[in-house]
Protein backbone atom coordinates (compact mmCIF):
# COMPACT_ATOMS: atom_id res chain seq x y z
CA UNK A 1 -0.05 0.04 0.12
CA UNK A 2 2.91 2.40 0.91
CA UNK A 3 4.40 1.97 -2.59
CA UNK A 4 1.00 2.52 -4.16
CA UNK A 5 0.61 5.68 -2.31
CA UNK A 6 4.16 6.82 -3.20
CA UNK A 7 3.57 6.19 -6.86
CA UNK A 8 0.22 8.14 -6.71
CA UNK A 9 1.92 11.19 -5.44
CA UNK A 10 4.71 10.84 -7.98
CA UNK A 11 2.04 10.77 -10.75
CA UNK A 12 0.48 13.97 -9.32
CA UNK A 13 3.89 15.76 -9.76
CA UNK A 14 3.63 14.71 -13.39
CA UNK A 15 0.44 16.76 -13.79
CA UNK A 16 2.19 19.85 -12.60
CA UNK A 17 3.93 21.66 -15.51
CA UNK A 18 7.45 20.68 -15.71
CA UNK A 19 8.16 22.04 -19.06
CA UNK A 20 11.87 22.36 -20.04
CA UNK A 21 11.02 22.82 -23.71
CA UNK A 22 8.22 22.58 -26.05
CA UNK A 23 6.76 19.67 -27.53
CA UNK A 24 8.28 19.02 -30.96
CA UNK A 25 8.21 16.53 -33.71
CA UNK A 26 10.52 13.67 -34.00
CA UNK A 27 9.40 12.83 -37.51
CA UNK A 28 8.79 15.63 -39.81
CA UNK A 29 6.43 13.61 -42.08
CA UNK A 30 8.83 13.86 -45.08
CA UNK A 31 12.28 12.70 -44.26
CA UNK A 32 14.24 10.54 -42.00
CA UNK A 33 15.91 13.79 -40.37
CA UNK A 34 16.72 12.86 -36.86
CA UNK A 35 16.78 9.22 -37.39
CA UNK A 36 19.48 6.64 -38.47
CA UNK A 37 19.85 2.97 -38.80
CA UNK A 38 21.96 0.91 -36.55
CA UNK A 39 25.43 2.40 -35.81
CA UNK A 40 24.59 5.68 -37.72
CA UNK A 41 23.88 3.97 -41.00
CA UNK A 42 21.17 4.73 -43.54
CA UNK A 43 17.68 3.19 -42.80
CA UNK A 44 17.09 0.09 -44.61
CA UNK A 45 14.95 -0.62 -47.72
CA UNK A 46 12.07 -1.79 -45.54
CA UNK A 47 11.55 1.84 -44.42
CA UNK A 48 9.73 4.40 -46.39
CA UNK A 49 7.81 7.76 -46.03
CA UNK A 50 4.50 8.46 -47.70
CA UNK A 51 1.34 10.53 -46.84
CA UNK A 52 3.09 11.99 -43.76
CA UNK A 53 3.72 8.43 -42.45
CA UNK A 54 6.69 6.46 -41.64
CA UNK A 55 6.14 3.02 -42.99
CA UNK A 56 7.92 -0.36 -42.36
CA UNK A 57 7.17 -3.21 -44.77
CA UNK A 58 9.84 -5.84 -44.67
CA UNK A 59 13.28 -5.83 -43.46
CA UNK A 60 14.48 -2.29 -42.63
CA UNK A 61 16.57 -2.65 -39.66
CA UNK A 62 15.96 -0.82 -36.36
CA UNK A 63 15.61 2.85 -36.63
CA UNK A 64 17.18 5.05 -33.97
CA UNK A 65 16.88 8.65 -32.86
CA UNK A 66 20.04 10.52 -33.13
CA UNK A 67 19.30 12.22 -29.78
CA UNK A 68 19.28 10.55 -26.33
CA UNK A 69 16.48 11.34 -23.77
CA UNK A 70 16.24 10.94 -19.99
CA UNK A 71 13.02 12.40 -18.83
CA UNK A 72 10.29 12.83 -21.41
CA UNK A 73 6.89 12.69 -22.74
CA UNK A 74 6.68 10.88 -25.99
CA UNK A 75 3.55 10.23 -28.08
CA UNK A 76 2.86 8.72 -31.34
CA UNK A 77 0.06 7.06 -33.56
CA UNK A 78 0.55 3.55 -35.15
CA UNK A 79 -1.23 0.90 -36.88
CA UNK A 80 -0.31 -2.72 -37.70
CA UNK A 81 -1.22 -5.08 -40.49
CA UNK A 82 -3.17 -8.15 -39.34
CA UNK A 83 -1.35 -10.44 -37.19
CA UNK A 84 1.50 -7.93 -36.76
CA UNK A 85 4.13 -7.21 -34.13
CA UNK A 86 6.37 -4.22 -33.45
CA UNK A 87 7.34 -1.92 -30.74
CA UNK A 88 8.96 1.44 -29.66
CA UNK A 89 11.84 1.22 -27.37
CA UNK A 90 13.42 3.90 -25.06
CA UNK A 91 16.42 4.28 -22.89
CA UNK A 92 18.13 2.32 -25.75
CA UNK A 93 22.00 1.82 -25.42
CA UNK A 94 24.28 -0.61 -27.06
CA UNK A 95 24.54 -3.32 -24.40
CA UNK A 96 27.74 -5.22 -24.23
CA UNK A 97 28.92 -3.37 -27.44
CA UNK A 98 26.50 -5.87 -29.40
CA UNK A 99 22.77 -5.30 -29.11
CA UNK A 100 20.57 -1.94 -29.18
CA UNK A 101 18.19 -2.58 -26.29
CA UNK A 102 15.96 -0.72 -24.11
CA UNK A 103 12.53 -0.76 -22.47
CA UNK A 104 9.88 -1.71 -25.09
CA UNK A 105 6.32 -0.44 -25.54
CA UNK A 106 4.88 -3.55 -27.09
CA UNK A 107 2.65 -3.05 -29.98
CA UNK A 108 0.94 -6.35 -31.12
CA UNK A 109 -2.15 -7.77 -32.88
CA UNK A 110 -3.26 -9.14 -29.36
CA UNK A 111 -5.94 -11.31 -31.24
CA UNK A 112 -3.99 -12.83 -33.97
CA UNK A 113 -0.13 -12.75 -33.28
CA UNK A 114 1.16 -16.01 -31.50
CA UNK A 115 3.27 -13.88 -29.18
CA UNK A 116 -0.03 -12.84 -27.43
CA UNK A 117 -0.38 -16.69 -26.25
CA UNK A 118 3.07 -16.36 -24.46
CA UNK A 119 1.82 -14.40 -21.56
CA UNK A 120 0.47 -11.11 -20.62
CA UNK A 121 3.94 -9.36 -20.46
CA UNK A 122 3.86 -9.60 -24.29
CA UNK A 123 0.53 -7.96 -25.07
CA UNK A 124 0.18 -4.30 -26.41
CA UNK A 125 1.30 -1.74 -23.83
CA UNK A 126 3.29 -4.17 -21.76
CA UNK A 127 6.91 -3.34 -20.68
CA UNK A 128 7.78 -6.12 -23.21
CA UNK A 129 8.59 -9.32 -21.24
CA UNK A 130 9.09 -7.38 -18.03
CA UNK A 131 5.63 -6.37 -16.86
CA UNK A 132 1.95 -6.84 -18.14
CA UNK A 133 -0.29 -3.90 -18.44
CA UNK A 134 -1.57 -2.86 -15.12
CA UNK A 135 -4.94 -1.96 -16.38
CA UNK A 136 -7.25 -3.26 -19.12
CA UNK A 137 -6.07 -1.96 -22.47
CA UNK A 138 -8.36 -0.61 -25.03
CA UNK A 139 -6.24 -1.34 -28.18
CA UNK A 140 -7.92 -1.01 -31.63
CA UNK A 141 -8.01 -3.85 -34.24
CA UNK A 142 -5.27 -4.20 -36.68
CA UNK A 143 -5.47 -1.75 -39.58
CA UNK A 144 -6.95 1.10 -37.28
CA UNK A 145 -4.87 3.81 -35.74
CA UNK A 146 -3.79 3.58 -32.09
CA UNK A 147 -2.45 6.54 -30.14
CA UNK A 148 0.34 5.71 -27.63
CA UNK A 149 2.37 7.71 -25.12
CA UNK A 150 5.21 7.02 -22.78
CA UNK A 151 5.87 9.20 -19.78
CA UNK A 152 9.25 9.05 -17.98
CA UNK A 153 9.96 11.19 -14.93
CA UNK A 154 12.92 10.48 -12.42
CA UNK A 155 12.64 6.65 -12.87
CA UNK A 156 8.92 6.41 -12.90
CA UNK A 157 7.49 5.25 -16.22
CA UNK A 158 3.95 5.18 -17.70
CA UNK A 159 2.49 3.56 -20.66
CA UNK A 160 -0.71 5.14 -22.21
CA UNK A 161 -2.97 3.71 -24.90
CA UNK A 162 -5.73 5.81 -26.56
CA UNK A 163 -5.78 8.31 -23.70
CA UNK A 164 -5.80 5.78 -20.97
CA UNK A 165 -3.18 4.99 -18.45
CA UNK A 166 -2.55 1.18 -18.78
CA UNK A 167 0.81 0.44 -17.44
CA UNK A 168 3.05 1.95 -14.84
CA UNK A 169 6.25 1.11 -12.86
CA UNK A 170 9.17 2.61 -10.80
CA UNK A 171 12.61 1.40 -12.31
CA UNK A 172 14.14 2.37 -9.06
CA UNK A 173 12.22 -0.12 -7.07
CA UNK A 174 13.24 -3.50 -5.88
CA UNK A 175 10.03 -4.87 -7.55
CA UNK A 176 11.36 -3.77 -10.92
CA UNK A 177 14.87 -5.22 -10.40
CA UNK A 178 13.01 -8.52 -9.39
CA UNK A 179 11.14 -8.36 -12.79
CA UNK A 180 14.16 -7.63 -14.86
CA UNK A 181 15.87 -10.61 -13.10
CA UNK A 182 12.98 -12.68 -14.29
CA UNK A 183 13.00 -11.48 -17.92
CA UNK A 184 14.89 -12.22 -20.94
CA UNK A 185 17.15 -9.22 -20.09
CA UNK A 186 18.33 -10.64 -16.89
CA UNK A 187 21.89 -11.12 -18.24
CA UNK A 188 22.03 -7.87 -20.03
CA UNK A 189 24.32 -5.78 -17.90
CA UNK A 190 23.56 -2.18 -18.45
CA UNK A 191 20.13 -2.74 -19.67
CA UNK A 192 18.01 0.50 -19.78
CA UNK A 193 20.23 2.80 -17.81
CA UNK A 194 18.03 5.71 -17.45
CA UNK A 195 19.11 7.57 -20.58
CA UNK A 196 19.19 6.58 -24.17
CA UNK A 197 17.87 6.74 -27.60
CA UNK A 198 14.42 6.11 -28.98
CA UNK A 199 14.11 3.13 -31.24
CA UNK A 200 11.45 1.88 -33.57
CA UNK A 201 11.94 -1.89 -33.81
CA UNK A 202 12.07 -3.99 -37.00
CA UNK A 203 10.07 -7.20 -36.74
CA UNK A 204 9.38 -7.03 -40.43
CA UNK A 205 5.66 -6.82 -39.98
CA UNK A 206 3.85 -3.93 -41.87
CA UNK A 207 3.50 -0.98 -39.48
CA UNK A 208 2.90 2.70 -40.05
CA UNK A 209 3.67 5.74 -37.61
CA UNK A 210 2.69 9.19 -37.64
CA UNK A 211 2.70 12.35 -35.37
CA UNK A 212 5.82 11.16 -33.35
CA UNK A 213 6.26 14.00 -30.98
CA UNK A 214 8.26 14.50 -27.60
CA UNK A 215 8.59 16.88 -24.69
CA UNK A 216 11.65 16.73 -22.67
CA UNK A 217 11.01 17.12 -18.86
CA UNK A 218 13.23 18.43 -16.06
């Protein structure tokens, strides 16, 4: 109960203006400005831009923001093809000099993708393989636009879906450490260190993004 009260207080603090900058676009709707492929390379051929949308269809490789972020309020719209799977990761760093890893906001066709049967920690808006949504999600069907949001403030993280808070955690807590230890990231030393890039993952499934915007918080 004490931890719940503490987190509630922390959430209230997020409702108070903590603007250190204006909300700005991470995707201008017409170019890959501000983004790169892995290790600074060009985005792969699976990525394209049309009608103000950033689209993935086939192998394109992960797409990483050039800038790193610590505390922020990130929002974007997305839609998947039927049976699709993808995700947006944050606090992404190159772990062990090999893999670009971070906390993932899972985006999934919860009805038709087989990963949905591998446990609730892999459903839409989960902290992928770490924590299932803490509230019932209102995800829209494949082919329809969803609106997602990630709020990060001093180690507290929130996942929003279509205007509703559906998942939250405190990455400084013992509970979080235990969940990492029980996840696929348990042996990834330096995983999600509290600062890093934003990454649009490549699972080869057809995915569209638009209105990717962020506000950096103090």
